[in-house]
Amino acid sequence: GVAVIGALRGTYGADIPAVIVTGDVAPVVLRRVEDAGLPIFSKPFRPDQLVEKIAKLIVPSRPD
């Protein structure tokens, strides 16, 4: 996932919103995602939680 997101961002020259969805808890994997500056969303989760996470990535919240 990290490599794919990096390749897409490199190709299109844009900060494409992305989140890593994983059930992996290996420290090396979590560190790689963190080092890439990507948000991580761990399984299990409800579909509505994923929709909310994606919505926040593509429509930043406005200050109150």
PDB file of N, CA and C in Angstrom:
ATOM      1  N   GLY A   1       0.793  -1.189   0.000  1.00  0.00           N
ATOM      2  CA  GLY A   1       0.000   0.000   0.000  1.00  0.00           C
ATOM      3  C   GLY A   1       0.843   1.263   0.000  1.00  0.00           C
ATOM      4  N   VAL A   2       1.860   1.303   0.852  1.00  0.00           N
ATOM      5  CA  VAL A   2       2.704   2.491   0.942  1.00  0.00           C
ATOM      6  C   VAL A   2       3.388   2.754  -0.397  1.00  0.00           C
ATOM      7  N   ALA A   3       3.892   1.708  -1.023  1.00  0.00           N
ATOM      8  CA  ALA A   3       4.587   1.865  -2.309  1.00  0.00           C
ATOM      9  C   ALA A   3       3.627   2.322  -3.404  1.00  0.00           C
ATOM     10  N   VAL A   4       2.434   1.783  -3.416  1.00  0.00           N
ATOM     11  CA  VAL A   4       1.444   2.160  -4.429  1.00  0.00           C
ATOM     12  C   VAL A   4       1.056   3.627  -4.271  1.00  0.00           C
ATOM     13  N   ILE A   5       0.802   4.040  -3.046  1.00  0.00           N
ATOM     14  CA  ILE A   5       0.436   5.439  -2.801  1.00  0.00           C
ATOM     15  C   ILE A   5       1.583   6.358  -3.214  1.00  0.00           C
ATOM     16  N   GLY A   6       2.810   5.972  -2.878  1.00  0.00           N
ATOM     17  CA  GLY A   6       3.973   6.767  -3.271  1.00  0.00           C
ATOM     18  C   GLY A   6       4.103   6.875  -4.778  1.00  0.00           C
ATOM     19  N   ALA A   7       3.868   5.755  -5.482  1.00  0.00           N
ATOM     20  CA  ALA A   7       3.957   5.765  -6.949  1.00  0.00           C
ATOM     21  C   ALA A   7       2.868   6.643  -7.560  1.00  0.00           C
ATOM     22  N   LEU A   8       1.657   6.548  -7.059  1.00  0.00           N
ATOM     23  CA  LEU A   8       0.557   7.373  -7.574  1.00  0.00           C
ATOM     24  C   LEU A   8       0.832   8.853  -7.342  1.00  0.00           C
ATOM     25  N   ARG A   9       1.285   9.165  -6.148  1.00  0.00           N
ATOM     26  CA  ARG A   9       1.582  10.564  -5.840  1.00  0.00           C
ATOM     27  C   ARG A   9       2.738  11.073  -6.695  1.00  0.00           C
ATOM     28  N   GLY A  10       3.719  10.226  -6.946  1.00  0.00           N
ATOM     29  CA  GLY A  10       4.849  10.610  -7.788  1.00  0.00           C
ATOM     30  C   GLY A  10       4.437  10.818  -9.233  1.00  0.00           C
ATOM     31  N   THR A  11       3.585   9.952  -9.733  1.00  0.00           N
ATOM     32  CA  THR A  11       3.133  10.030 -11.123  1.00  0.00           C
ATOM     33  C   THR A  11       2.254  11.242 -11.373  1.00  0.00           C
ATOM     34  N   TYR A  12       1.335  11.490 -10.454  1.00  0.00           N
ATOM     35  CA  TYR A  12       0.362  12.554 -10.678  1.00  0.00           C
ATOM     36  C   TYR A  12       0.747  13.875 -10.021  1.00  0.00           C
ATOM     37  N   GLY A  13       1.847  13.874  -9.296  1.00  0.00           N
ATOM     38  CA  GLY A  13       2.351  15.109  -8.714  1.00  0.00           C
ATOM     39  C   GLY A  13       1.384  15.792  -7.787  1.00  0.00           C
ATOM     40  N   ALA A  14       0.575  15.034  -7.127  1.00  0.00           N
ATOM     41  CA  ALA A  14      -0.427  15.610  -6.242  1.00  0.00           C
ATOM     42  C   ALA A  14      -0.442  14.857  -4.924  1.00  0.00           C
ATOM     43  N   ASP A  15      -0.957  15.504  -3.934  1.00  0.00           N
ATOM     44  CA  ASP A  15      -1.108  14.856  -2.636  1.00  0.00           C
ATOM     45  C   ASP A  15      -2.443  14.116  -2.630  1.00  0.00           C
ATOM     46  N   ILE A  16      -2.455  12.956  -3.234  1.00  0.00           N
ATOM     47  CA  ILE A  16      -3.663  12.150  -3.329  1.00  0.00           C
ATOM     48  C   ILE A  16      -4.043  11.670  -1.931  1.00  0.00           C
ATOM     49  N   PRO A  17      -5.266  11.935  -1.486  1.00  0.00           N
ATOM     50  CA  PRO A  17      -5.682  11.452  -0.172  1.00  0.00           C
ATOM     51  C   PRO A  17      -5.613   9.934  -0.129  1.00  0.00           C
ATOM     52  N   ALA A  18      -5.085   9.404   0.972  1.00  0.00           N
ATOM     53  CA  ALA A  18      -4.959   7.957   1.100  1.00  0.00           C
ATOM     54  C   ALA A  18      -4.938   7.562   2.561  1.00  0.00           C
ATOM     55  N   VAL A  19      -5.348   6.344   2.811  1.00  0.00           N
ATOM     56  CA  VAL A  19      -5.286   5.753   4.141  1.00  0.00           C
ATOM     57  C   VAL A  19      -4.892   4.287   3.961  1.00  0.00           C
ATOM     58  N   ILE A  20      -4.082   3.793   4.848  1.00  0.00           N
ATOM     59  CA  ILE A  20      -3.701   2.384   4.826  1.00  0.00           C
ATOM     60  C   ILE A  20      -4.675   1.632   5.714  1.00  0.00           C
ATOM     61  N   VAL A  21      -5.339   0.638   5.143  1.00  0.00           N
ATOM     62  CA  VAL A  21      -6.260  -0.223   5.883  1.00  0.00           C
ATOM     63  C   VAL A  21      -5.560  -1.561   6.057  1.00  0.00           C
ATOM     64  N   THR A  22      -5.381  -1.979   7.309  1.00  0.00           N
ATOM     65  CA  THR A  22      -4.637  -3.202   7.561  1.00  0.00           C
ATOM     66  C   THR A  22      -5.055  -3.877   8.858  1.00  0.00           C
ATOM     67  N   GLY A  23      -4.790  -5.151   8.902  1.00  0.00           N
ATOM     68  CA  GLY A  23      -4.952  -5.921  10.122  1.00  0.00           C
ATOM     69  C   GLY A  23      -3.587  -6.285  10.679  1.00  0.00           C
ATOM     70  N   ASP A  24      -2.543  -5.860   9.984  1.00  0.00           N
ATOM     71  CA  ASP A  24      -1.171  -6.171  10.385  1.00  0.00           C
ATOM     72  C   ASP A  24      -0.789  -5.360  11.616  1.00  0.00           C
ATOM     73  N   VAL A  25      -0.166  -6.007  12.568  1.00  0.00           N
ATOM     74  CA  VAL A  25       0.274  -5.313  13.775  1.00  0.00           C
ATOM     75  C   VAL A  25       1.787  -5.405  13.957  1.00  0.00           C
ATOM     76  N   ALA A  26       2.477  -5.898  12.939  1.00  0.00           N
ATOM     77  CA  ALA A  26       3.931  -6.017  13.020  1.00  0.00           C
ATOM     78  C   ALA A  26       4.549  -4.623  13.144  1.00  0.00           C
ATOM     79  N   PRO A  27       5.410  -4.426  14.128  1.00  0.00           N
ATOM     80  CA  PRO A  27       6.023  -3.107  14.321  1.00  0.00           C
ATOM     81  C   PRO A  27       6.706  -2.562  13.071  1.00  0.00           C
ATOM     82  N   VAL A  28       7.353  -3.405  12.294  1.00  0.00           N
ATOM     83  CA  VAL A  28       8.047  -2.930  11.096  1.00  0.00           C
ATOM     84  C   VAL A  28       7.057  -2.371  10.074  1.00  0.00           C
ATOM     85  N   VAL A  29       5.909  -2.986   9.963  1.00  0.00           N
ATOM     86  CA  VAL A  29       4.878  -2.522   9.029  1.00  0.00           C
ATOM     87  C   VAL A  29       4.295  -1.200   9.516  1.00  0.00           C
ATOM     88  N   LEU A  30       3.940  -1.139  10.774  1.00  0.00           N
ATOM     89  CA  LEU A  30       3.357   0.081  11.332  1.00  0.00           C
ATOM     90  C   LEU A  30       4.343   1.243  11.255  1.00  0.00           C
ATOM     91  N   ARG A  31       5.627   0.970  11.453  1.00  0.00           N
ATOM     92  CA  ARG A  31       6.661   2.000  11.375  1.00  0.00           C
ATOM     93  C   ARG A  31       6.799   2.525   9.945  1.00  0.00           C
ATOM     94  N   ARG A  32       6.717   1.608   8.963  1.00  0.00           N
ATOM     95  CA  ARG A  32       6.831   2.018   7.558  1.00  0.00           C
ATOM     96  C   ARG A  32       5.688   2.965   7.182  1.00  0.00           C
ATOM     97  N   VAL A  33       4.489   2.635   7.637  1.00  0.00           N
ATOM     98  CA  VAL A  33       3.327   3.494   7.359  1.00  0.00           C
ATOM     99  C   VAL A  33       3.509   4.843   8.051  1.00  0.00           C
ATOM    100  N   GLU A  34       3.931   4.807   9.294  1.00  0.00           N
ATOM    101  CA  GLU A  34       4.150   6.051  10.043  1.00  0.00           C
ATOM    102  C   GLU A  34       5.231   6.901   9.378  1.00  0.00           C
ATOM    103  N   ASP A  35       6.329   6.276   8.967  1.00  0.00           N
ATOM    104  CA  ASP A  35       7.421   7.004   8.316  1.00  0.00           C
ATOM    105  C   ASP A  35       6.974   7.642   6.998  1.00  0.00           C
ATOM    106  N   ALA A  36       6.000   7.025   6.336  1.00  0.00           N
ATOM    107  CA  ALA A  36       5.478   7.567   5.085  1.00  0.00           C
ATOM    108  C   ALA A  36       4.488   8.703   5.334  1.00  0.00           C
ATOM    109  N   GLY A  37       4.130   8.912   6.601  1.00  0.00           N
ATOM    110  CA  GLY A  37       3.205   9.993   6.936  1.00  0.00           C
ATOM    111  C   GLY A  37       1.767   9.705   6.548  1.00  0.00           C
ATOM    112  N   LEU A  38       1.443   8.409   6.458  1.00  0.00           N
ATOM    113  CA  LEU A  38       0.090   8.020   6.062  1.00  0.00           C
ATOM    114  C   LEU A  38      -0.749   7.652   7.279  1.00  0.00           C
ATOM    115  N   PRO A  39      -2.024   7.995   7.242  1.00  0.00           N
ATOM    116  CA  PRO A  39      -2.894   7.551   8.326  1.00  0.00           C
ATOM    117  C   PRO A  39      -3.137   6.049   8.196  1.00  0.00           C
ATOM    118  N   ILE A  40      -3.314   5.392   9.320  1.00  0.00           N
ATOM    119  CA  ILE A  40      -3.557   3.956   9.326  1.00  0.00           C
ATOM    120  C   ILE A  40      -4.905   3.678   9.985  1.00  0.00           C
ATOM    121  N   PHE A  41      -5.624   2.757   9.414  1.00  0.00           N
ATOM    122  CA  PHE A  41      -6.924   2.371   9.922  1.00  0.00           C
ATOM    123  C   PHE A  41      -6.882   0.861  10.113  1.00  0.00           C
ATOM    124  N   SER A  42      -7.003   0.422  11.347  1.00  0.00           N
ATOM    125  CA  SER A  42      -6.823  -0.990  11.670  1.00  0.00           C
ATOM    126  C   SER A  42      -8.131  -1.764  11.672  1.00  0.00           C
ATOM    127  N   LYS A  43      -8.042  -2.975  11.162  1.00  0.00           N
ATOM    128  CA  LYS A  43      -9.182  -3.892  11.188  1.00  0.00           C
ATOM    129  C   LYS A  43      -9.281  -4.476  12.592  1.00  0.00           C
ATOM    130  N   PRO A  44     -10.414  -4.892  13.050  1.00  0.00           N
ATOM    131  CA  PRO A  44     -11.718  -4.789  12.396  1.00  0.00           C
ATOM    132  C   PRO A  44     -12.341  -3.408  12.627  1.00  0.00           C
ATOM    133  N   PHE A  45     -13.244  -3.061  11.754  1.00  0.00           N
ATOM    134  CA  PHE A  45     -13.964  -1.803  11.869  1.00  0.00           C
ATOM    135  C   PHE A  45     -15.312  -1.958  11.187  1.00  0.00           C
ATOM    136  N   ARG A  46     -16.207  -1.041  11.505  1.00  0.00           N
ATOM    137  CA  ARG A  46     -17.518  -1.033  10.850  1.00  0.00           C
ATOM    138  C   ARG A  46     -17.407  -0.224   9.561  1.00  0.00           C
ATOM    139  N   PRO A  47     -18.184  -0.561   8.550  1.00  0.00           N
ATOM    140  CA  PRO A  47     -18.139   0.183   7.289  1.00  0.00           C
ATOM    141  C   PRO A  47     -18.342   1.686   7.472  1.00  0.00           C
ATOM    142  N   ASP A  48     -19.227   2.079   8.366  1.00  0.00           N
ATOM    143  CA  ASP A  48     -19.461   3.510   8.568  1.00  0.00           C
ATOM    144  C   ASP A  48     -18.229   4.218   9.125  1.00  0.00           C
ATOM    145  N   GLN A  49     -17.404   3.506   9.883  1.00  0.00           N
ATOM    146  CA  GLN A  49     -16.178   4.098  10.388  1.00  0.00           C
ATOM    147  C   GLN A  49     -15.198   4.371   9.247  1.00  0.00           C
ATOM    148  N   LEU A  50     -15.131   3.462   8.292  1.00  0.00           N
ATOM    149  CA  LEU A  50     -14.255   3.658   7.140  1.00  0.00           C
ATOM    150  C   LEU A  50     -14.751   4.816   6.275  1.00  0.00           C
ATOM    151  N   VAL A  51     -16.036   4.895   6.066  1.00  0.00           N
ATOM    152  CA  VAL A  51     -16.611   5.996   5.281  1.00  0.00           C
ATOM    153  C   VAL A  51     -16.287   7.336   5.946  1.00  0.00           C
ATOM    154  N   GLU A  52     -16.418   7.396   7.260  1.00  0.00           N
ATOM    155  CA  GLU A  52     -16.112   8.631   7.993  1.00  0.00           C
ATOM    156  C   GLU A  52     -14.636   9.006   7.838  1.00  0.00           C
ATOM    157  N   LYS A  53     -13.759   8.024   7.935  1.00  0.00           N
ATOM    158  CA  LYS A  53     -12.320   8.274   7.798  1.00  0.00           C
ATOM    159  C   LYS A  53     -11.990   8.816   6.406  1.00  0.00           C
ATOM    160  N   ILE A  54     -12.565   8.201   5.377  1.00  0.00           N
ATOM    161  CA  ILE A  54     -12.321   8.637   4.007  1.00  0.00           C
ATOM    162  C   ILE A  54     -12.879  10.048   3.783  1.00  0.00           C
ATOM    163  N   ALA A  55     -14.069  10.294   4.303  1.00  0.00           N
ATOM    164  CA  ALA A  55     -14.681  11.616   4.148  1.00  0.00           C
ATOM    165  C   ALA A  55     -13.798  12.705   4.745  1.00  0.00           C
ATOM    166  N   LYS A  56     -13.183  12.430   5.874  1.00  0.00           N
ATOM    167  CA  LYS A  56     -12.309  13.426   6.502  1.00  0.00           C
ATOM    168  C   LYS A  56     -11.050  13.675   5.669  1.00  0.00           C
ATOM    169  N   LEU A  57     -10.619  12.672   4.930  1.00  0.00           N
ATOM    170  CA  LEU A  57      -9.437  12.844   4.078  1.00  0.00           C
ATOM    171  C   LEU A  57      -9.733  13.690   2.849  1.00  0.00           C
ATOM    172  N   ILE A  58     -10.924  13.540   2.288  1.00  0.00           N
ATOM    173  CA  ILE A  58     -11.208  14.243   1.047  1.00  0.00           C
ATOM    174  C   ILE A  58     -11.930  15.574   1.243  1.00  0.00           C
ATOM    175  N   VAL A  59     -12.532  15.757   2.408  1.00  0.00           N
ATOM    176  CA  VAL A  59     -13.195  17.017   2.732  1.00  0.00           C
ATOM    177  C   VAL A  59     -12.706  17.449   4.101  1.00  0.00           C
ATOM    178  N   PRO A  60     -11.604  18.183   4.134  1.00  0.00           N
ATOM    179  CA  PRO A  60     -11.062  18.614   5.439  1.00  0.00           C
ATOM    180  C   PRO A  60     -12.101  19.386   6.241  1.00  0.00           C
ATOM    181  N   SER A  61     -12.093  19.182   7.537  1.00  0.00           N
ATOM    182  CA  SER A  61     -13.044  19.892   8.386  1.00  0.00           C
ATOM    183  C   SER A  61     -12.709  21.371   8.425  1.00  0.00           C
ATOM    184  N   ARG A  62     -13.729  22.171   8.517  1.00  0.00           N
ATOM    185  CA  ARG A  62     -13.559  23.613   8.579  1.00  0.00           C
ATOM    186  C   ARG A  62     -13.433  24.032  10.048  1.00  0.00           C
ATOM    187  N   PRO A  63     -12.627  25.036  10.325  1.00  0.00           N
ATOM    188  CA  PRO A  63     -12.534  25.523  11.696  1.00  0.00           C
ATOM    189  C   PRO A  63     -13.864  26.121  12.127  1.00  0.00           C
ATOM    190  N   ASP A  64     -14.178  25.953  13.373  1.00  0.00           N
ATOM    191  CA  ASP A  64     -15.454  26.483  13.907  1.00  0.00           C
ATOM    192  C   ASP A  64     -15.380  27.960  14.160  1.00  0.00           C
TER     193      ASP A  64
END
